[in-house]
C-alpha atoms as a PDB file:
ATOM      1  CA  UNK A   1      98.247  10.072  90.220  1.00  0.00           C
ATOM      2  CA  UNK A   2      97.759  13.071  88.325  1.00  0.00           C
ATOM      3  CA  UNK A   3      99.214  13.137  84.717  1.00  0.00           C
ATOM      4  CA  UNK A   4     100.075  16.632  83.121  1.00  0.00           C
ATOM      5  CA  UNK A   5     100.587  16.844  79.384  1.00  0.00           C
ATOM      6  CA  UNK A   6     102.778  19.630  77.947  1.00  0.00           C
ATOM      7  CA  UNK A   7     101.959  20.824  74.677  1.00  0.00           C
ATOM      8  CA  UNK A   8     104.579  22.532  72.395  1.00  0.00           C
ATOM      9  CA  UNK A   9     103.193  24.311  69.421  1.00  0.00           C
ATOM     10  CA  UNK A  10     105.067  23.118  66.416  1.00  0.00           C
ATOM     11  CA  UNK A  11     105.617  25.257  63.207  1.00  0.00           C
ATOM     12  CA  UNK A  12     106.477  23.760  60.065  1.00  0.00           C
ATOM     13  CA  UNK A  13     107.260  25.969  56.822  1.00  0.00           C
ATOM     14  CA  UNK A  14     106.782  24.188  53.599  1.00  0.00           C
ATOM     15  CA  UNK A  15     108.301  25.396  50.375  1.00  0.00           C
ATOM     16  CA  UNK A  16     105.506  24.288  48.041  1.00  0.00           C
ATOM     17  CA  UNK A  17     105.405  24.730  44.455  1.00  0.00           C
ATOM     18  CA  UNK A  18     102.052  26.005  43.387  1.00  0.00           C
ATOM     19  CA  UNK A  19     100.564  24.592  40.367  1.00  0.00           C
ATOM     20  CA  UNK A  20      99.411  26.912  37.701  1.00  0.00           C
ATOM     21  CA  UNK A  21      97.397  25.542  34.813  1.00  0.00           C
ATOM     22  CA  UNK A  22      93.797  25.151  32.991  1.00  0.00           C
ATOM     23  CA  UNK A  23      91.680  21.919  33.122  1.00  0.00           C
ATOM     24  CA  UNK A  24      89.109  21.308  30.481  1.00  0.00           C
ATOM     25  CA  UNK A  25      86.087  18.772  31.155  1.00  0.00           C
ATOM     26  CA  UNK A  26      84.059  17.010  28.426  1.00  0.00           C
ATOM     27  CA  UNK A  27      80.812  17.771  30.359  1.00  0.00           C
ATOM     28  CA  UNK A  28      79.358  21.017  32.233  1.00  0.00           C
ATOM     29  CA  UNK A  29      79.924  21.365  36.030  1.00  0.00           C
ATOM     30  CA  UNK A  30      83.413  19.766  35.717  1.00  0.00           C
ATOM     31  CA  UNK A  31      82.084  16.591  35.112  1.00  0.00           C
ATOM     32  CA  UNK A  32      83.338  13.554  32.714  1.00  0.00           C
ATOM     33  CA  UNK A  33      87.012  13.301  31.448  1.00  0.00           C
ATOM     34  CA  UNK A  34      89.374  16.082  32.039  1.00  0.00           C
ATOM     35  CA  UNK A  35      92.614  17.336  30.717  1.00  0.00           C
ATOM     36  CA  UNK A  36      95.289  19.623  32.230  1.00  0.00           C
ATOM     37  CA  UNK A  37      97.064  22.285  30.111  1.00  0.00           C
ATOM     38  CA  UNK A  38     100.247  23.659  32.083  1.00  0.00           C
ATOM     39  CA  UNK A  39     100.596  27.307  32.365  1.00  0.00           C
ATOM     40  CA  UNK A  40     101.694  28.839  28.930  1.00  0.00           C
ATOM     41  CA  UNK A  41     100.634  25.816  26.827  1.00  0.00           C
ATOM     42  CA  UNK A  42      99.815  26.746  23.357  1.00  0.00           C
ATOM     43  CA  UNK A  43      98.040  23.863  21.730  1.00  0.00           C
ATOM     44  CA  UNK A  44      97.406  24.253  18.167  1.00  0.00           C
ATOM     45  CA  UNK A  45      95.140  21.162  18.053  1.00  0.00           C
ATOM     46  CA  UNK A  46      93.697  19.637  21.125  1.00  0.00           C
ATOM     47  CA  UNK A  47      93.768  16.191  19.402  1.00  0.00           C
ATOM     48  CA  UNK A  48      91.075  13.881  18.179  1.00  0.00           C
ATOM     49  CA  UNK A  49      90.114  12.904  21.666  1.00  0.00           C
ATOM     50  CA  UNK A  50      89.311  16.556  22.853  1.00  0.00           C
ATOM     51  CA  UNK A  51      88.406  18.081  19.459  1.00  0.00           C
ATOM     52  CA  UNK A  52      84.938  19.660  19.958  1.00  0.00           C
ATOM     53  CA  UNK A  53      84.295  18.113  23.307  1.00  0.00           C
ATOM     54  CA  UNK A  54      85.062  20.712  25.833  1.00  0.00           C
ATOM     55  CA  UNK A  55      82.081  21.873  28.029  1.00  0.00           C
ATOM     56  CA  UNK A  56      83.744  23.347  31.166  1.00  0.00           C
ATOM     57  CA  UNK A  57      86.915  24.882  32.149  1.00  0.00           C
ATOM     58  CA  UNK A  58      88.646  25.169  35.578  1.00  0.00           C
ATOM     59  CA  UNK A  59      91.865  27.377  36.176  1.00  0.00           C
ATOM     60  CA  UNK A  60      94.297  28.185  38.719  1.00  0.00           C
ATOM     61  CA  UNK A  61      94.405  31.489  40.305  1.00  0.00           C
ATOM     62  CA  UNK A  62      95.623  34.006  38.034  1.00  0.00           C
ATOM     63  CA  UNK A  63      95.083  31.736  34.855  1.00  0.00           C
ATOM     64  CA  UNK A  64      92.756  31.973  31.870  1.00  0.00           C
ATOM     65  CA  UNK A  65      91.885  29.512  28.815  1.00  0.00           C
ATOM     66  CA  UNK A  66      91.441  30.975  25.657  1.00  0.00           C
ATOM     67  CA  UNK A  67      89.598  28.624  23.433  1.00  0.00           C
ATOM     68  CA  UNK A  68      89.621  28.811  19.551  1.00  0.00           C
ATOM     69  CA  UNK A  69      86.898  27.451  17.091  1.00  0.00           C
ATOM     70  CA  UNK A  70      89.394  25.958  14.856  1.00  0.00           C
ATOM     71  CA  UNK A  71      92.849  24.238  14.742  1.00  0.00           C
ATOM     72  CA  UNK A  72      95.915  26.484  14.733  1.00  0.00           C
ATOM     73  CA  UNK A  73      94.242  29.200  16.686  1.00  0.00           C
ATOM     74  CA  UNK A  74      91.707  29.848  13.761  1.00  0.00           C
ATOM     75  CA  UNK A  75      88.248  31.260  13.781  1.00  0.00           C
ATOM     76  CA  UNK A  76      86.534  33.103  16.844  1.00  0.00           C
ATOM     77  CA  UNK A  77      88.085  32.809  20.202  1.00  0.00           C
ATOM     78  CA  UNK A  78      86.658  33.314  23.685  1.00  0.00           C
ATOM     79  CA  UNK A  79      88.705  33.620  26.953  1.00  0.00           C
ATOM     80  CA  UNK A  80      87.430  31.506  30.070  1.00  0.00           C
ATOM     81  CA  UNK A  81      88.122  31.773  33.799  1.00  0.00           C
ATOM     82  CA  UNK A  82      86.348  29.114  35.959  1.00  0.00           C
ATOM     83  CA  UNK A  83      83.314  28.318  33.911  1.00  0.00           C
ATOM     84  CA  UNK A  84      80.921  25.556  34.775  1.00  0.00           C
ATOM     85  CA  UNK A  85      79.553  25.753  31.487  1.00  0.00           C
ATOM     86  CA  UNK A  86      81.100  27.364  28.495  1.00  0.00           C
ATOM     87  CA  UNK A  87      77.541  28.258  26.848  1.00  0.00           C
ATOM     88  CA  UNK A  88      75.604  27.019  24.195  1.00  0.00           C
ATOM     89  CA  UNK A  89      77.737  29.018  21.405  1.00  0.00           C
ATOM     90  CA  UNK A  90      81.061  27.310  22.688  1.00  0.00           C
ATOM     91  CA  UNK A  91      80.001  23.907  23.984  1.00  0.00           C
ATOM     92  CA  UNK A  92      81.683  21.202  22.108  1.00  0.00           C
ATOM     93  CA  UNK A  93      83.118  23.704  19.488  1.00  0.00           C
ATOM     94  CA  UNK A  94      86.842  24.282  20.729  1.00  0.00           C
ATOM     95  CA  UNK A  95      89.576  22.904  18.560  1.00  0.00           C
ATOM     96  CA  UNK A  96      92.948  24.581  20.070  1.00  0.00           C
ATOM     97  CA  UNK A  97      93.702  26.463  23.215  1.00  0.00           C
ATOM     98  CA  UNK A  98      96.065  28.655  25.104  1.00  0.00           C
ATOM     99  CA  UNK A  99      96.478  28.382  28.782  1.00  0.00           C
ATOM    100  CA  UNK A 100      97.856  31.732  30.057  1.00  0.00           C
ATOM    101  CA  UNK A 101      98.749  32.400  33.752  1.00  0.00           C
ATOM    102  CA  UNK A 102     100.184  35.534  35.497  1.00  0.00           C
END
């Protein structure tokens, strides 16, 4: 007895929401604890748990994270895309952030 299989291609359309935001990590190379800031978040103080502890940044397509040296967006600032290490100058220095996405 010969068995034949009919294969019908099936196409599914999904309406998916695409997440946009910025994730910060406590260590380089996206290691350690992480925290997500949604698109458009203006955080004047990252909180005691994250103050001066950010070492790497990962962002969704079209997003960037601007880090500020002091709370309330004070002091110097630097804008990061996907960055596995924010560099010696910014490592463990960020106190406020703005996550912007197109």
